[in-house]
Amino acid sequence: MMKKKEHLPIFGIGPFLVAGMAIIAAVAIVVFYYVCKLGTLSGFTAMLLRVVGIILTIIGIIIWFIGAVRSNMDENIKENRLKTNGIYAWVRNPMYSGWWILISGVSLLWHNIWLIPVIVINWYIMTIVLKNTEEKWLRDLYGQEYEDYCKRVNRCIPWKRN
Protein backbone atom coordinates (compact mmCIF):
# COMPACT_ATOMS: atom_id res chain seq x y z
CA MET A 1 0.00 0.00 0.00
CA MET A 2 1.34 3.40 -0.99
CA LYS A 3 1.65 6.20 1.53
CA LYS A 4 -0.27 9.27 0.40
CA LYS A 5 2.02 12.23 1.06
CA GLU A 6 5.45 10.73 0.50
CA HIS A 7 7.28 10.41 -2.77
CA LEU A 8 10.83 10.01 -3.96
CA PRO A 9 12.83 13.13 -4.66
CA ILE A 10 13.08 13.95 -8.38
CA PHE A 11 16.88 13.47 -8.47
CA GLY A 12 17.37 10.95 -5.64
CA ILE A 13 20.91 9.76 -5.06
CA GLY A 14 21.62 9.64 -8.78
CA PRO A 15 24.08 12.50 -9.21
CA PHE A 16 26.22 11.27 -6.31
CA LEU A 17 26.18 7.64 -7.43
CA VAL A 18 26.97 8.46 -11.05
CA ALA A 19 29.71 10.92 -10.09
CA GLY A 20 31.25 8.30 -7.79
CA MET A 21 31.29 5.65 -10.51
CA ALA A 22 32.73 8.11 -13.04
CA ILE A 23 35.46 9.20 -10.61
CA ILE A 24 36.42 5.59 -9.88
CA ALA A 25 36.68 4.85 -13.61
CA ALA A 26 38.60 8.05 -14.33
CA VAL A 27 41.09 7.42 -11.54
CA ALA A 28 41.60 3.83 -12.75
CA ILE A 29 42.15 5.04 -16.32
CA VAL A 30 44.76 7.57 -15.19
CA VAL A 31 46.51 5.12 -12.86
CA PHE A 32 46.62 2.05 -15.11
CA TYR A 33 46.85 3.60 -18.56
CA TYR A 34 48.87 6.77 -18.01
CA VAL A 35 50.81 6.45 -14.73
CA CYS A 36 51.62 2.75 -14.26
CA LYS A 37 51.20 1.83 -17.93
CA LEU A 38 50.04 -1.64 -16.93
CA GLY A 39 47.65 -3.94 -18.74
CA THR A 40 47.29 -2.05 -22.01
CA LEU A 41 46.32 -4.44 -24.78
CA SER A 42 47.13 -4.12 -28.46
CA GLY A 43 46.22 -5.64 -31.80
CA PHE A 44 42.90 -7.38 -32.36
CA THR A 45 42.01 -7.44 -28.64
CA ALA A 46 42.48 -3.67 -28.33
CA MET A 47 40.34 -3.09 -31.42
CA LEU A 48 37.66 -5.46 -30.10
CA LEU A 49 37.56 -3.64 -26.74
CA ARG A 50 37.29 -0.29 -28.53
CA VAL A 51 34.39 -1.51 -30.68
CA VAL A 52 32.61 -3.00 -27.65
CA GLY A 53 33.32 0.25 -25.78
CA ILE A 54 31.73 2.36 -28.51
CA ILE A 55 28.70 0.07 -28.67
CA LEU A 56 28.25 0.11 -24.87
CA THR A 57 28.66 3.88 -24.76
CA ILE A 58 25.91 4.32 -27.34
CA ILE A 59 23.64 1.78 -25.63
CA GLY A 60 24.21 3.51 -22.28
CA ILE A 61 23.26 6.90 -23.72
CA ILE A 62 20.12 5.45 -25.30
CA ILE A 63 19.03 3.66 -22.10
CA TRP A 64 19.66 6.75 -19.98
CA PHE A 65 17.84 9.00 -22.48
CA ILE A 66 14.78 6.76 -22.62
CA GLY A 67 14.68 6.41 -18.83
CA ALA A 68 15.35 10.06 -18.02
CA VAL A 69 13.77 12.01 -20.88
CA ARG A 70 11.26 9.82 -22.70
CA SER A 71 9.72 7.87 -19.81
CA ASN A 72 7.73 10.63 -18.09
CA MET A 73 9.23 9.46 -14.80
CA ASP A 74 8.97 12.91 -13.19
CA GLU A 75 5.17 12.75 -13.51
CA ASN A 76 5.09 9.32 -11.89
CA ILE A 77 7.19 10.59 -8.98
CA LYS A 78 5.01 13.67 -8.50
CA GLU A 79 1.84 11.58 -8.66
CA ASN A 80 3.31 8.85 -6.44
CA ARG A 81 2.89 6.05 -8.98
CA LEU A 82 5.29 3.17 -9.40
CA LYS A 83 6.60 3.24 -12.98
CA THR A 84 6.55 -0.28 -14.43
CA ASN A 85 5.97 0.18 -18.15
CA GLY A 86 8.14 1.22 -21.08
CA ILE A 87 11.82 0.82 -20.36
CA TYR A 88 10.91 0.23 -16.71
CA ALA A 89 9.45 -3.11 -17.81
CA TRP A 90 13.00 -4.06 -18.87
CA VAL A 91 15.10 -2.58 -16.06
CA ARG A 92 14.14 -1.02 -12.72
CA ASN A 93 16.84 1.66 -12.84
CA PRO A 94 17.41 2.67 -16.46
CA MET A 95 19.01 6.00 -15.60
CA TYR A 96 21.63 4.41 -13.34
CA SER A 97 22.03 1.47 -15.70
CA GLY A 98 22.52 3.78 -18.64
CA TRP A 99 25.26 5.67 -16.85
CA TRP A 100 26.94 2.44 -15.68
CA ILE A 101 26.87 1.01 -19.21
CA LEU A 102 28.15 4.31 -20.64
CA ILE A 103 31.00 4.52 -18.08
CA SER A 104 31.82 0.86 -18.77
CA GLY A 105 31.94 1.56 -22.50
CA VAL A 106 34.19 4.58 -22.06
CA SER A 107 36.47 2.51 -19.80
CA LEU A 108 36.85 -0.13 -22.51
CA LEU A 109 38.00 2.50 -25.00
CA TRP A 110 41.35 2.54 -23.18
CA HIS A 111 41.75 -1.19 -23.99
CA ASN A 112 43.32 -1.90 -20.61
CA ILE A 113 42.77 -5.23 -18.88
CA TRP A 114 42.88 -3.60 -15.41
CA LEU A 115 39.80 -1.51 -16.19
CA ILE A 116 37.57 -4.59 -16.52
CA PRO A 117 37.53 -5.20 -12.74
CA VAL A 118 36.63 -1.52 -12.32
CA ILE A 119 33.47 -2.14 -14.37
CA VAL A 120 32.53 -4.96 -11.98
CA ILE A 121 33.40 -2.82 -8.92
CA ASN A 122 31.15 -0.03 -10.22
CA TRP A 123 28.33 -2.54 -10.74
CA TYR A 124 28.70 -3.72 -7.12
CA ILE A 125 28.75 -0.15 -5.84
CA MET A 126 25.63 0.69 -7.83
CA THR A 127 23.87 -2.45 -6.59
CA ILE A 128 24.77 -1.88 -2.93
CA VAL A 129 23.81 1.80 -3.02
CA LEU A 130 20.47 1.10 -4.72
CA LYS A 131 19.63 -1.77 -2.35
CA ASN A 132 20.30 0.41 0.68
CA THR A 133 18.66 3.63 -0.47
CA GLU A 134 16.00 3.82 -3.17
CA GLU A 135 14.92 0.18 -3.00
CA LYS A 136 14.27 0.44 0.74
CA TRP A 137 12.28 3.61 0.21
CA LEU A 138 10.28 2.11 -2.67
CA ARG A 139 9.62 -1.08 -0.72
CA ASP A 140 8.31 0.99 2.19
CA LEU A 141 6.29 3.26 -0.10
CA TYR A 142 4.71 0.69 -2.44
CA GLY A 143 4.94 -2.58 -0.46
CA GLN A 144 3.82 -5.71 -2.29
CA GLU A 145 3.41 -3.88 -5.60
CA TYR A 146 7.14 -3.10 -5.56
CA GLU A 147 8.05 -6.62 -4.38
CA ASP A 148 6.15 -8.11 -7.32
CA TYR A 149 7.81 -5.65 -9.68
CA CYS A 150 11.27 -6.65 -8.37
CA LYS A 151 10.50 -10.30 -9.13
CA ARG A 152 9.67 -9.43 -12.75
CA VAL A 153 12.33 -6.85 -13.62
CA ASN A 154 16.13 -6.77 -13.15
CA ARG A 155 17.69 -4.04 -11.06
CA CYS A 156 20.49 -2.88 -13.35
CA ILE A 157 20.84 -4.95 -16.49
CA PRO A 158 18.07 -4.51 -19.06
CA TRP A 159 16.51 -7.88 -19.72
CA LYS A 160 13.02 -8.91 -20.69
CA ARG A 161 11.91 -11.79 -18.49
CA ASN A 162 9.15 -14.18 -19.51
C-alpha atoms as a PDB file:
ATOM      1  CA  MET A   1       0.000   0.000   0.000  1.00  0.00           C
ATOM      2  CA  MET A   2       1.340   3.395  -0.992  1.00  0.00           C
ATOM      3  CA  LYS A   3       1.653   6.203   1.531  1.00  0.00           C
ATOM      4  CA  LYS A   4      -0.273   9.271   0.397  1.00  0.00           C
ATOM      5  CA  LYS A   5       2.016  12.234   1.064  1.00  0.00           C
ATOM      6  CA  GLU A   6       5.446  10.734   0.501  1.00  0.00           C
ATOM      7  CA  HIS A   7       7.281  10.412  -2.768  1.00  0.00           C
ATOM      8  CA  LEU A   8      10.827  10.009  -3.964  1.00  0.00           C
ATOM      9  CA  PRO A   9      12.833  13.134  -4.663  1.00  0.00           C
ATOM     10  CA  ILE A  10      13.080  13.946  -8.376  1.00  0.00           C
ATOM     11  CA  PHE A  11      16.876  13.465  -8.469  1.00  0.00           C
ATOM     12  CA  GLY A  12      17.366  10.954  -5.635  1.00  0.00           C
ATOM     13  CA  ILE A  13      20.905   9.756  -5.057  1.00  0.00           C
ATOM     14  CA  GLY A  14      21.622   9.639  -8.784  1.00  0.00           C
ATOM     15  CA  PRO A  15      24.077  12.499  -9.207  1.00  0.00           C
ATOM     16  CA  PHE A  16      26.217  11.267  -6.305  1.00  0.00           C
ATOM     17  CA  LEU A  17      26.177   7.639  -7.427  1.00  0.00           C
ATOM     18  CA  VAL A  18      26.967   8.462 -11.054  1.00  0.00           C
ATOM     19  CA  ALA A  19      29.713  10.924 -10.088  1.00  0.00           C
ATOM     20  CA  GLY A  20      31.248   8.303  -7.793  1.00  0.00           C
ATOM     21  CA  MET A  21      31.287   5.652 -10.509  1.00  0.00           C
ATOM     22  CA  ALA A  22      32.730   8.114 -13.035  1.00  0.00           C
ATOM     23  CA  ILE A  23      35.458   9.205 -10.608  1.00  0.00           C
ATOM     24  CA  ILE A  24      36.423   5.590  -9.876  1.00  0.00           C
ATOM     25  CA  ALA A  25      36.675   4.847 -13.613  1.00  0.00           C
ATOM     26  CA  ALA A  26      38.599   8.053 -14.334  1.00  0.00           C
ATOM     27  CA  VAL A  27      41.095   7.417 -11.540  1.00  0.00           C
ATOM     28  CA  ALA A  28      41.596   3.833 -12.745  1.00  0.00           C
ATOM     29  CA  ILE A  29      42.152   5.045 -16.321  1.00  0.00           C
ATOM     30  CA  VAL A  30      44.759   7.568 -15.185  1.00  0.00           C
ATOM     31  CA  VAL A  31      46.509   5.115 -12.862  1.00  0.00           C
ATOM     32  CA  PHE A  32      46.624   2.049 -15.108  1.00  0.00           C
ATOM     33  CA  TYR A  33      46.845   3.604 -18.560  1.00  0.00           C
ATOM     34  CA  TYR A  34      48.867   6.775 -18.010  1.00  0.00           C
ATOM     35  CA  VAL A  35      50.805   6.449 -14.726  1.00  0.00           C
ATOM     36  CA  CYS A  36      51.624   2.752 -14.260  1.00  0.00           C
ATOM     37  CA  LYS A  37      51.197   1.830 -17.932  1.00  0.00           C
ATOM     38  CA  LEU A  38      50.037  -1.642 -16.925  1.00  0.00           C
ATOM     39  CA  GLY A  39      47.647  -3.938 -18.739  1.00  0.00           C
ATOM     40  CA  THR A  40      47.285  -2.048 -22.007  1.00  0.00           C
ATOM     41  CA  LEU A  41      46.323  -4.440 -24.777  1.00  0.00           C
ATOM     42  CA  SER A  42      47.135  -4.119 -28.462  1.00  0.00           C
ATOM     43  CA  GLY A  43      46.219  -5.636 -31.805  1.00  0.00           C
ATOM     44  CA  PHE A  44      42.898  -7.378 -32.355  1.00  0.00           C
ATOM     45  CA  THR A  45      42.013  -7.441 -28.636  1.00  0.00           C
ATOM     46  CA  ALA A  46      42.482  -3.673 -28.330  1.00  0.00           C
ATOM     47  CA  MET A  47      40.340  -3.095 -31.422  1.00  0.00           C
ATOM     48  CA  LEU A  48      37.665  -5.458 -30.096  1.00  0.00           C
ATOM     49  CA  LEU A  49      37.558  -3.640 -26.745  1.00  0.00           C
ATOM     50  CA  ARG A  50      37.286  -0.288 -28.528  1.00  0.00           C
ATOM     51  CA  VAL A  51      34.394  -1.512 -30.682  1.00  0.00           C
ATOM     52  CA  VAL A  52      32.609  -2.995 -27.653  1.00  0.00           C
ATOM     53  CA  GLY A  53      33.324   0.246 -25.776  1.00  0.00           C
ATOM     54  CA  ILE A  54      31.732   2.359 -28.508  1.00  0.00           C
ATOM     55  CA  ILE A  55      28.695   0.069 -28.666  1.00  0.00           C
ATOM     56  CA  LEU A  56      28.252   0.111 -24.869  1.00  0.00           C
ATOM     57  CA  THR A  57      28.662   3.881 -24.755  1.00  0.00           C
ATOM     58  CA  ILE A  58      25.913   4.321 -27.343  1.00  0.00           C
ATOM     59  CA  ILE A  59      23.639   1.780 -25.626  1.00  0.00           C
ATOM     60  CA  GLY A  60      24.212   3.514 -22.281  1.00  0.00           C
ATOM     61  CA  ILE A  61      23.262   6.897 -23.722  1.00  0.00           C
ATOM     62  CA  ILE A  62      20.120   5.446 -25.298  1.00  0.00           C
ATOM     63  CA  ILE A  63      19.029   3.661 -22.103  1.00  0.00           C
ATOM     64  CA  TRP A  64      19.658   6.754 -19.979  1.00  0.00           C
ATOM     65  CA  PHE A  65      17.842   9.001 -22.479  1.00  0.00           C
ATOM     66  CA  ILE A  66      14.779   6.763 -22.624  1.00  0.00           C
ATOM     67  CA  GLY A  67      14.678   6.410 -18.827  1.00  0.00           C
ATOM     68  CA  ALA A  68      15.352  10.059 -18.024  1.00  0.00           C
ATOM     69  CA  VAL A  69      13.773  12.008 -20.881  1.00  0.00           C
ATOM     70  CA  ARG A  70      11.259   9.822 -22.696  1.00  0.00           C
ATOM     71  CA  SER A  71       9.718   7.868 -19.814  1.00  0.00           C
ATOM     72  CA  ASN A  72       7.730  10.625 -18.092  1.00  0.00           C
ATOM     73  CA  MET A  73       9.232   9.464 -14.800  1.00  0.00           C
ATOM     74  CA  ASP A  74       8.974  12.912 -13.192  1.00  0.00           C
ATOM     75  CA  GLU A  75       5.173  12.754 -13.506  1.00  0.00           C
ATOM     76  CA  ASN A  76       5.090   9.324 -11.889  1.00  0.00           C
ATOM     77  CA  ILE A  77       7.186  10.592  -8.983  1.00  0.00           C
ATOM     78  CA  LYS A  78       5.014  13.673  -8.504  1.00  0.00           C
ATOM     79  CA  GLU A  79       1.841  11.578  -8.658  1.00  0.00           C
ATOM     80  CA  ASN A  80       3.306   8.855  -6.441  1.00  0.00           C
ATOM     81  CA  ARG A  81       2.888   6.054  -8.982  1.00  0.00           C
ATOM     82  CA  LEU A  82       5.289   3.167  -9.400  1.00  0.00           C
ATOM     83  CA  LYS A  83       6.598   3.240 -12.977  1.00  0.00           C
ATOM     84  CA  THR A  84       6.548  -0.283 -14.434  1.00  0.00           C
ATOM     85  CA  ASN A  85       5.967   0.176 -18.154  1.00  0.00           C
ATOM     86  CA  GLY A  86       8.138   1.220 -21.084  1.00  0.00           C
ATOM     87  CA  ILE A  87      11.821   0.823 -20.359  1.00  0.00           C
ATOM     88  CA  TYR A  88      10.905   0.226 -16.711  1.00  0.00           C
ATOM     89  CA  ALA A  89       9.454  -3.107 -17.809  1.00  0.00           C
ATOM     90  CA  TRP A  90      12.999  -4.057 -18.870  1.00  0.00           C
ATOM     91  CA  VAL A  91      15.102  -2.579 -16.056  1.00  0.00           C
ATOM     92  CA  ARG A  92      14.140  -1.018 -12.724  1.00  0.00           C
ATOM     93  CA  ASN A  93      16.843   1.656 -12.836  1.00  0.00           C
ATOM     94  CA  PRO A  94      17.412   2.671 -16.462  1.00  0.00           C
ATOM     95  CA  MET A  95      19.011   6.002 -15.605  1.00  0.00           C
ATOM     96  CA  TYR A  96      21.635   4.412 -13.342  1.00  0.00           C
ATOM     97  CA  SER A  97      22.030   1.470 -15.700  1.00  0.00           C
ATOM     98  CA  GLY A  98      22.516   3.781 -18.641  1.00  0.00           C
ATOM     99  CA  TRP A  99      25.264   5.666 -16.847  1.00  0.00           C
ATOM    100  CA  TRP A 100      26.938   2.440 -15.676  1.00  0.00           C
ATOM    101  CA  ILE A 101      26.867   1.008 -19.213  1.00  0.00           C
ATOM    102  CA  LEU A 102      28.148   4.313 -20.635  1.00  0.00           C
ATOM    103  CA  ILE A 103      30.997   4.516 -18.080  1.00  0.00           C
ATOM    104  CA  SER A 104      31.823   0.863 -18.768  1.00  0.00           C
ATOM    105  CA  GLY A 105      31.945   1.557 -22.501  1.00  0.00           C
ATOM    106  CA  VAL A 106      34.185   4.576 -22.059  1.00  0.00           C
ATOM    107  CA  SER A 107      36.468   2.512 -19.802  1.00  0.00           C
ATOM    108  CA  LEU A 108      36.854  -0.132 -22.509  1.00  0.00           C
ATOM    109  CA  LEU A 109      37.996   2.503 -25.003  1.00  0.00           C
ATOM    110  CA  TRP A 110      41.355   2.542 -23.180  1.00  0.00           C
ATOM    111  CA  HIS A 111      41.752  -1.194 -23.994  1.00  0.00           C
ATOM    112  CA  ASN A 112      43.318  -1.900 -20.608  1.00  0.00           C
ATOM    113  CA  ILE A 113      42.769  -5.228 -18.880  1.00  0.00           C
ATOM    114  CA  TRP A 114      42.876  -3.599 -15.415  1.00  0.00           C
ATOM    115  CA  LEU A 115      39.804  -1.514 -16.193  1.00  0.00           C
ATOM    116  CA  ILE A 116      37.571  -4.591 -16.522  1.00  0.00           C
ATOM    117  CA  PRO A 117      37.525  -5.198 -12.741  1.00  0.00           C
ATOM    118  CA  VAL A 118      36.629  -1.515 -12.320  1.00  0.00           C
ATOM    119  CA  ILE A 119      33.469  -2.145 -14.372  1.00  0.00           C
ATOM    120  CA  VAL A 120      32.526  -4.957 -11.978  1.00  0.00           C
ATOM    121  CA  ILE A 121      33.405  -2.823  -8.924  1.00  0.00           C
ATOM    122  CA  ASN A 122      31.151  -0.029 -10.217  1.00  0.00           C
ATOM    123  CA  TRP A 123      28.333  -2.543 -10.736  1.00  0.00           C
ATOM    124  CA  TYR A 124      28.701  -3.723  -7.115  1.00  0.00           C
ATOM    125  CA  ILE A 125      28.755  -0.149  -5.839  1.00  0.00           C
ATOM    126  CA  MET A 126      25.634   0.686  -7.834  1.00  0.00           C
ATOM    127  CA  THR A 127      23.869  -2.447  -6.593  1.00  0.00           C
ATOM    128  CA  ILE A 128      24.771  -1.883  -2.928  1.00  0.00           C
ATOM    129  CA  VAL A 129      23.807   1.799  -3.022  1.00  0.00           C
ATOM    130  CA  LEU A 130      20.474   1.098  -4.724  1.00  0.00           C
ATOM    131  CA  LYS A 131      19.627  -1.769  -2.351  1.00  0.00           C
ATOM    132  CA  ASN A 132      20.299   0.406   0.675  1.00  0.00           C
ATOM    133  CA  THR A 133      18.656   3.630  -0.475  1.00  0.00           C
ATOM    134  CA  GLU A 134      16.003   3.818  -3.171  1.00  0.00           C
ATOM    135  CA  GLU A 135      14.924   0.182  -3.001  1.00  0.00           C
ATOM    136  CA  LYS A 136      14.273   0.437   0.738  1.00  0.00           C
ATOM    137  CA  TRP A 137      12.281   3.608   0.208  1.00  0.00           C
ATOM    138  CA  LEU A 138      10.281   2.108  -2.667  1.00  0.00           C
ATOM    139  CA  ARG A 139       9.622  -1.081  -0.718  1.00  0.00           C
ATOM    140  CA  ASP A 140       8.314   0.989   2.193  1.00  0.00           C
ATOM    141  CA  LEU A 141       6.288   3.260  -0.101  1.00  0.00           C
ATOM    142  CA  TYR A 142       4.714   0.685  -2.443  1.00  0.00           C
ATOM    143  CA  GLY A 143       4.940  -2.578  -0.462  1.00  0.00           C
ATOM    144  CA  GLN A 144       3.823  -5.712  -2.286  1.00  0.00           C
ATOM    145  CA  GLU A 145       3.412  -3.884  -5.600  1.00  0.00           C
ATOM    146  CA  TYR A 146       7.138  -3.097  -5.559  1.00  0.00           C
ATOM    147  CA  GLU A 147       8.048  -6.619  -4.379  1.00  0.00           C
ATOM    148  CA  ASP A 148       6.151  -8.112  -7.324  1.00  0.00           C
ATOM    149  CA  TYR A 149       7.812  -5.652  -9.683  1.00  0.00           C
ATOM    150  CA  CYS A 150      11.269  -6.651  -8.369  1.00  0.00           C
ATOM    151  CA  LYS A 151      10.500 -10.298  -9.127  1.00  0.00           C
ATOM    152  CA  ARG A 152       9.666  -9.428 -12.748  1.00  0.00           C
ATOM    153  CA  VAL A 153      12.333  -6.851 -13.622  1.00  0.00           C
ATOM    154  CA  ASN A 154      16.127  -6.774 -13.146  1.00  0.00           C
ATOM    155  CA  ARG A 155      17.691  -4.038 -11.056  1.00  0.00           C
ATOM    156  CA  CYS A 156      20.491  -2.876 -13.348  1.00  0.00           C
ATOM    157  CA  ILE A 157      20.842  -4.953 -16.491  1.00  0.00           C
ATOM    158  CA  PRO A 158      18.066  -4.507 -19.060  1.00  0.00           C
ATOM    159  CA  TRP A 159      16.509  -7.877 -19.723  1.00  0.00           C
ATOM    160  CA  LYS A 160      13.016  -8.914 -20.694  1.00  0.00           C
ATOM    161  CA  ARG A 161      11.913 -11.785 -18.487  1.00  0.00           C
ATOM    162  CA  ASN A 162       9.150 -14.176 -19.511  1.00  0.00           C
END
